[in-house]
Amino acid sequence: MNTAAIEVAGLRKRFGGTTALDGMTFTVRPGRVTGFAGPNGAGKSTTMRVIVGLDAPDAGTALVGGRPYQSLRRPLTHVGALLDAAALQPGRSARNHLLWLAHSQGLTASRVDEVVAQSGLQGAIRRKAGGYSLGMRQRLGIAAALLGDPPVLMLDEPFNGMDPEGIVWMRGFLRSLAVEGRAVLVSSHLMSELQDTADHLVVIGRGRVIADASVAELTADASGGRVSVRTAMPGRAVEVLSAAGAEAAATGPGTLIITGSGAEQVAMLLSRNAVPFSEVSAHRATLEEAYLELTRDAVEFRAAAPGGEAR
């Protein structure tokens, strides 16, 4: 298998007067979960559709294991995709849905039973798929994606509709697939889930890649050397730190974020000036903070702030 399981290079795609993809380029490697994030309309779904041959690009290439999807024989054995959990025949039982897919790829009924067990659907597999909740349809879609035991998996918003137990299961399941050496591409709007699941993140906006880095690198960059402080005297702490050339901003009752000074220096200044504090620590940004900073200029639509102005 090619060391780069999915290679997207220079993809361009227009729909009428709208540019959906504008030179999209990134790589999804085996052995890790790669998160795929961006605002609505950024091009995530279009990119994934191009990778599996549902849309043709105007320019550029999308390869799976070094080959275009259209050239793959028995494609489910190369790449499994969940792009739309509702794409099924509602009057057919979930098991018959999987049997139909398996038959189309020359796979056996025993393989269907294996993926049903993997996805946790044993108790409901003979029910009609049309009666499934969204979370159960996500599990059914994942079972279908796993049928061919593919080295590459591509899932679009798999956390949608999942209850808390399902979300915990999904996190561990996706990580386990990567540990097996598969390349896993997961798109999601839920940064909290990607922070707990993904090793790497590709962030896009307006059809282009904005960031392509590990989750650890992105959160470290967003942390920006800031220091978090908890104190019963925030006003006095701001005076002391400002006098020393640091910048301090309140983030809540008794909490401050400091820039321009390290944690040790902040602690020393507060102690020297008899300002009590219960915590001084390096600020750790969340993936959501990093994402919002990266996509600030790539959001197409903004909600009105309480004062009536768009943010």
Protein backbone atom coordinates (compact mmCIF):
# COMPACT_ATOMS: atom_id res chain seq x y z
CA MET A 1 0.00 0.00 0.00
CA ASN A 2 1.19 3.52 -0.75
CA THR A 3 2.64 5.27 2.31
CA ALA A 4 0.21 8.13 1.66
CA ALA A 5 -3.17 6.40 1.81
CA ILE A 6 -5.10 9.42 0.51
CA GLU A 7 -3.35 12.08 -1.58
CA VAL A 8 -5.29 15.16 -2.62
CA ALA A 9 -3.36 17.50 -4.90
CA GLY A 10 -4.50 20.78 -6.45
CA LEU A 11 -8.21 19.95 -6.54
CA ARG A 12 -10.37 22.60 -8.17
CA LYS A 13 -14.12 22.44 -8.59
CA ARG A 14 -16.77 24.97 -9.53
CA PHE A 15 -20.54 24.64 -9.41
CA GLY A 16 -21.83 27.35 -11.73
CA GLY A 17 -20.45 30.63 -10.45
CA THR A 18 -19.41 29.14 -7.08
CA THR A 19 -15.87 27.93 -6.42
CA ALA A 20 -16.12 24.91 -4.12
CA LEU A 21 -12.48 23.80 -4.26
CA ASP A 22 -9.62 26.17 -4.98
CA GLY A 23 -6.38 24.16 -5.13
CA MET A 24 -7.16 21.74 -2.26
CA THR A 25 -4.02 19.80 -1.28
CA PHE A 26 -3.39 17.51 1.70
CA THR A 27 -2.39 13.96 2.65
CA VAL A 28 -4.06 11.42 4.94
CA ARG A 29 -1.54 8.93 6.28
CA PRO A 30 -2.00 5.41 7.66
CA GLY A 31 -1.91 4.79 11.39
CA ARG A 32 -3.63 7.96 12.52
CA VAL A 33 -7.01 9.67 12.65
CA THR A 34 -6.99 12.82 10.54
CA GLY A 35 -9.70 15.33 11.38
CA PHE A 36 -11.18 17.34 8.52
CA ALA A 37 -12.73 20.62 9.66
CA GLY A 38 -13.96 23.91 8.27
CA PRO A 39 -16.99 26.22 8.22
CA ASN A 40 -20.15 25.37 6.32
CA GLY A 41 -19.46 25.67 2.60
CA ALA A 42 -15.69 25.31 3.03
CA GLY A 43 -15.54 22.30 0.67
CA LYS A 44 -15.33 19.31 3.02
CA SER A 45 -18.15 17.25 1.51
CA THR A 46 -17.15 18.13 -2.05
CA THR A 47 -13.59 17.00 -1.38
CA MET A 48 -14.77 13.69 0.05
CA ARG A 49 -17.14 13.14 -2.88
CA VAL A 50 -14.29 13.76 -5.32
CA ILE A 51 -12.07 11.25 -3.50
CA VAL A 52 -14.65 8.47 -4.00
CA GLY A 53 -15.55 9.49 -7.55
CA LEU A 54 -19.01 10.92 -6.91
CA ASP A 55 -17.92 14.32 -8.26
CA ALA A 56 -15.34 14.94 -10.97
CA PRO A 57 -12.81 17.72 -10.31
CA ASP A 58 -12.16 20.44 -12.84
CA ALA A 59 -8.44 20.09 -12.09
CA GLY A 60 -6.14 18.23 -9.74
CA THR A 61 -6.05 14.64 -8.50
CA ALA A 62 -7.37 12.55 -5.61
CA LEU A 63 -5.67 9.19 -5.13
CA VAL A 64 -6.34 6.27 -2.79
CA GLY A 65 -3.26 4.10 -2.33
CA GLY A 66 -1.69 5.85 -5.31
CA ARG A 67 -4.61 5.21 -7.65
CA PRO A 68 -7.81 7.04 -8.68
CA TYR A 69 -10.94 5.60 -7.07
CA GLN A 70 -12.46 4.87 -10.49
CA SER A 71 -9.61 2.45 -11.28
CA LEU A 72 -10.09 0.35 -8.14
CA ARG A 73 -11.55 -3.12 -8.51
CA ARG A 74 -13.88 -4.04 -5.62
CA PRO A 75 -13.52 -0.53 -4.21
CA LEU A 76 -14.98 -1.42 -0.78
CA THR A 77 -11.83 -3.46 -0.16
CA HIS A 78 -9.73 -0.31 -0.69
CA VAL A 79 -11.74 2.47 0.92
CA GLY A 80 -14.84 2.48 3.11
CA ALA A 81 -16.89 5.67 3.19
CA LEU A 82 -19.79 7.00 5.23
CA LEU A 83 -20.92 10.18 3.51
CA ASP A 84 -24.69 10.10 4.14
CA ALA A 85 -26.20 7.95 6.89
CA ALA A 86 -29.63 8.32 5.25
CA ALA A 87 -28.50 6.71 1.98
CA LEU A 88 -30.29 3.38 2.39
CA GLN A 89 -33.51 1.61 1.43
CA PRO A 90 -35.83 2.24 4.43
CA GLY A 91 -38.03 -0.80 3.77
CA ARG A 92 -35.09 -3.21 3.80
CA SER A 93 -33.77 -4.71 7.03
CA ALA A 94 -30.37 -3.45 8.13
CA ARG A 95 -28.91 -6.93 7.66
CA ASN A 96 -30.29 -7.24 4.13
CA HIS A 97 -28.86 -3.80 3.35
CA LEU A 98 -25.42 -5.06 4.35
CA LEU A 99 -25.90 -8.39 2.56
CA TRP A 100 -26.76 -6.54 -0.66
CA LEU A 101 -23.58 -4.45 -0.38
CA ALA A 102 -21.48 -7.50 0.48
CA HIS A 103 -22.83 -9.44 -2.51
CA SER A 104 -21.93 -6.54 -4.85
CA GLN A 105 -18.30 -6.85 -3.74
CA GLY A 106 -18.06 -10.65 -3.65
CA LEU A 107 -18.07 -10.74 0.15
CA THR A 108 -19.70 -13.37 2.35
CA ALA A 109 -22.55 -13.30 4.86
CA SER A 110 -20.05 -14.17 7.60
CA ARG A 111 -18.30 -10.86 6.91
CA VAL A 112 -21.64 -9.10 7.40
CA ASP A 113 -21.97 -10.74 10.82
CA GLU A 114 -18.46 -9.58 11.73
CA VAL A 115 -19.09 -5.90 10.95
CA VAL A 116 -22.48 -6.02 12.68
CA ALA A 117 -20.68 -7.12 15.85
CA GLN A 118 -18.01 -4.44 15.39
CA SER A 119 -20.61 -1.71 15.07
CA GLY A 120 -22.73 -2.90 18.01
CA LEU A 121 -25.92 -3.51 16.02
CA GLN A 122 -26.55 -7.16 16.88
CA GLY A 123 -29.79 -6.50 18.75
CA ALA A 124 -31.38 -4.43 15.98
CA ILE A 125 -29.89 -5.80 12.78
CA ARG A 126 -33.11 -7.48 11.55
CA ARG A 127 -35.21 -4.35 12.00
CA LYS A 128 -36.08 -2.19 9.01
CA ALA A 129 -33.41 0.46 8.50
CA GLY A 130 -36.10 3.11 8.02
CA GLY A 131 -36.98 2.80 11.70
CA TYR A 132 -33.42 3.44 12.87
CA SER A 133 -32.50 6.58 14.79
CA LEU A 134 -29.77 8.78 13.29
CA GLY A 135 -27.23 7.35 15.72
CA MET A 136 -28.11 3.79 14.70
CA ARG A 137 -27.92 4.76 11.03
CA GLN A 138 -24.41 6.07 11.70
CA ARG A 139 -23.46 2.69 13.13
CA LEU A 140 -25.02 0.94 10.12
CA GLY A 141 -23.08 3.22 7.78
CA ILE A 142 -19.85 2.39 9.60
CA ALA A 143 -20.63 -1.32 9.35
CA ALA A 144 -21.07 -0.88 5.60
CA ALA A 145 -17.80 1.05 5.34
CA LEU A 146 -15.97 -1.80 7.10
CA LEU A 147 -17.37 -4.61 4.94
CA GLY A 148 -14.34 -4.89 2.67
CA ASP A 149 -11.86 -4.57 5.58
CA PRO A 150 -10.38 -1.52 3.80
CA PRO A 151 -7.07 0.15 4.70
CA VAL A 152 -8.72 3.58 4.26
CA LEU A 153 -11.86 4.90 5.97
CA MET A 154 -13.56 8.21 5.28
CA LEU A 155 -16.42 9.33 7.53
CA ASP A 156 -18.46 12.53 7.18
CA GLU A 157 -19.84 13.80 10.52
CA PRO A 158 -20.01 10.35 12.19
CA PHE A 159 -20.77 11.86 15.64
CA ASN A 160 -24.08 13.35 14.45
CA GLY A 161 -27.05 11.85 16.26
CA MET A 162 -24.92 9.87 18.71
CA ASP A 163 -25.95 9.76 22.37
CA PRO A 164 -23.21 10.16 25.01
CA GLU A 165 -22.54 6.40 25.11
CA GLY A 166 -22.34 6.32 21.32
CA ILE A 167 -19.92 9.25 21.23
CA VAL A 168 -17.59 7.53 23.71
CA TRP A 169 -17.80 4.34 21.65
CA MET A 170 -17.11 6.24 18.42
CA ARG A 171 -13.99 7.93 19.83
CA GLY A 172 -12.46 4.64 20.90
CA PHE A 173 -13.54 2.84 17.75
CA LEU A 174 -11.95 5.38 15.42
CA ARG A 175 -8.72 5.35 17.41
CA SER A 176 -8.66 1.54 17.31
CA LEU A 177 -8.97 1.58 13.51
CA ALA A 178 -5.94 3.85 13.27
CA VAL A 179 -3.97 1.65 15.68
CA GLU A 180 -4.59 -1.21 13.24
CA GLY A 181 -2.68 0.84 10.64
CA ARG A 182 -5.62 2.21 8.69
CA ALA A 183 -5.82 5.76 7.38
CA VAL A 184 -8.92 7.38 8.90
CA LEU A 185 -10.32 10.70 7.65
CA VAL A 186 -13.12 12.14 9.82
CA SER A 187 -14.97 15.37 9.11
CA SER A 188 -16.76 17.01 12.02
CA HIS A 189 -18.01 20.35 13.31
CA LEU A 190 -17.47 19.12 16.88
CA MET A 191 -13.98 20.26 17.82
CA SER A 192 -14.30 18.72 21.27
CA GLU A 193 -14.72 15.31 19.66
CA LEU A 194 -11.85 15.79 17.24
CA GLN A 195 -9.61 16.95 20.10
CA ASP A 196 -10.30 13.65 21.88
CA THR A 197 -10.06 11.52 18.73
CA ALA A 198 -7.80 12.94 16.02
CA ASP A 199 -4.01 12.91 15.88
CA HIS A 200 -3.83 15.35 12.98
CA LEU A 201 -6.11 18.06 11.65
CA VAL A 202 -6.67 19.53 8.21
CA VAL A 203 -8.58 22.82 8.47
CA ILE A 204 -10.05 24.30 5.30
CA GLY A 205 -11.85 27.49 4.36
CA ARG A 206 -13.22 28.78 1.05
CA GLY A 207 -11.97 25.68 -0.76
CA ARG A 208 -8.37 25.94 0.44
CA VAL A 209 -6.27 24.37 3.20
CA ILE A 210 -5.75 26.82 6.07
CA ALA A 211 -3.83 24.51 8.41
CA ASP A 212 -2.38 21.00 8.15
CA ALA A 213 -0.73 20.01 11.43
CA SER A 214 -0.97 17.78 14.49
CA VAL A 215 -3.63 18.61 17.06
CA ALA A 216 -0.85 19.18 19.61
CA GLU A 217 0.87 21.72 17.34
CA LEU A 218 -2.35 23.61 16.65
CA THR A 219 -3.33 23.90 20.31
CA ALA A 220 0.22 24.87 21.30
CA ASP A 221 0.25 27.64 18.69
CA ALA A 222 -3.15 28.89 19.87
CA SER A 223 -1.95 28.92 23.47
CA GLY A 224 0.52 31.64 22.44
CA GLY A 225 2.66 31.51 25.57
CA ARG A 226 -0.22 32.81 27.69
CA VAL A 227 -0.52 32.22 31.44
CA SER A 228 -3.72 31.50 33.40
CA VAL A 229 -4.08 33.01 36.88
CA ARG A 230 -6.68 32.46 39.60
CA THR A 231 -6.67 35.07 42.34
CA ALA A 232 -8.99 36.59 44.94
CA MET A 233 -7.57 40.03 44.07
CA PRO A 234 -7.78 40.27 40.26
CA GLY A 235 -7.69 44.08 40.22
CA ARG A 236 -4.50 44.23 42.24
CA ALA A 237 -2.98 41.43 40.16
CA VAL A 238 -3.65 43.41 36.96
CA GLU A 239 -1.95 46.48 38.47
CA VAL A 240 1.15 44.54 39.49
CA LEU A 241 1.52 42.64 36.23
CA SER A 242 0.81 45.66 34.04
CA ALA A 243 3.46 47.65 35.90
CA ALA A 244 5.93 44.90 35.01
CA GLY A 245 5.07 45.15 31.29
CA ALA A 246 2.69 42.17 31.02
CA GLU A 247 -0.83 42.34 29.61
CA ALA A 248 -3.66 40.97 31.75
CA ALA A 249 -7.28 40.36 30.78
CA ALA A 250 -10.11 39.00 32.92
CA THR A 251 -11.76 35.84 31.62
CA GLY A 252 -14.14 35.31 34.54
CA PRO A 253 -14.58 36.00 38.27
CA GLY A 254 -11.10 35.82 39.74
CA THR A 255 -9.47 34.48 36.58
CA LEU A 256 -6.99 36.24 34.30
CA ILE A 257 -5.08 35.47 31.10
CA ILE A 258 -1.60 36.97 31.00
CA THR A 259 0.56 37.62 27.94
CA GLY A 260 4.09 38.97 27.83
CA SER A 261 5.34 37.09 30.88
CA GLY A 262 6.06 33.45 31.75
CA ALA A 263 4.36 31.47 34.51
CA GLU A 264 7.38 31.56 36.83
CA GLN A 265 7.80 35.31 36.47
CA VAL A 266 4.05 35.89 37.05
CA ALA A 267 4.15 33.81 40.23
CA MET A 268 7.22 35.67 41.47
CA LEU A 269 5.66 39.09 40.81
CA LEU A 270 2.42 38.21 42.57
CA SER A 271 4.25 36.72 45.58
CA ARG A 272 6.63 39.66 45.86
CA ASN A 273 3.67 42.07 45.92
CA ALA A 274 1.60 39.98 48.36
CA VAL A 275 -1.13 39.24 45.84
CA PRO A 276 -2.73 35.89 46.78
CA PHE A 277 -3.27 33.32 44.03
CA SER A 278 -4.47 29.73 43.87
CA GLU A 279 -3.19 28.94 40.38
CA VAL A 280 -0.57 30.15 37.94
CA SER A 281 -0.16 27.88 34.94
CA ALA A 282 0.63 27.90 31.25
CA HIS A 283 -2.64 28.44 29.36
CA ARG A 284 -3.65 25.46 27.26
CA ALA A 285 -5.90 26.40 24.38
CA THR A 286 -8.60 24.00 23.29
CA LEU A 287 -8.85 22.78 19.72
CA GLU A 288 -12.03 24.85 19.43
CA GLU A 289 -10.07 28.01 20.29
CA ALA A 290 -7.42 27.12 17.71
CA TYR A 291 -10.08 26.36 15.09
CA LEU A 292 -11.99 29.60 15.65
CA GLU A 293 -8.78 31.60 15.35
CA LEU A 294 -7.80 29.82 12.13
CA THR A 295 -11.20 30.17 10.46
CA ARG A 296 -12.00 33.71 11.59
CA ASP A 297 -11.75 35.06 8.04
CA ALA A 298 -13.18 31.99 6.29
CA VAL A 299 -16.72 31.96 7.68
CA GLU A 300 -19.35 32.69 5.02
CA PHE A 301 -22.23 33.45 7.38
CA ARG A 302 -22.10 35.03 10.83
CA ALA A 303 -24.89 35.18 13.39
CA ALA A 304 -25.91 38.52 14.81
CA ALA A 305 -24.45 39.34 18.20
CA PRO A 306 -26.87 40.22 21.04
CA GLY A 307 -26.36 43.93 20.23
CA GLY A 308 -27.61 43.32 16.70
CA GLU A 309 -24.29 43.49 14.83
CA ALA A 310 -22.88 40.53 12.92
CA ARG A 311 -19.86 38.92 14.50
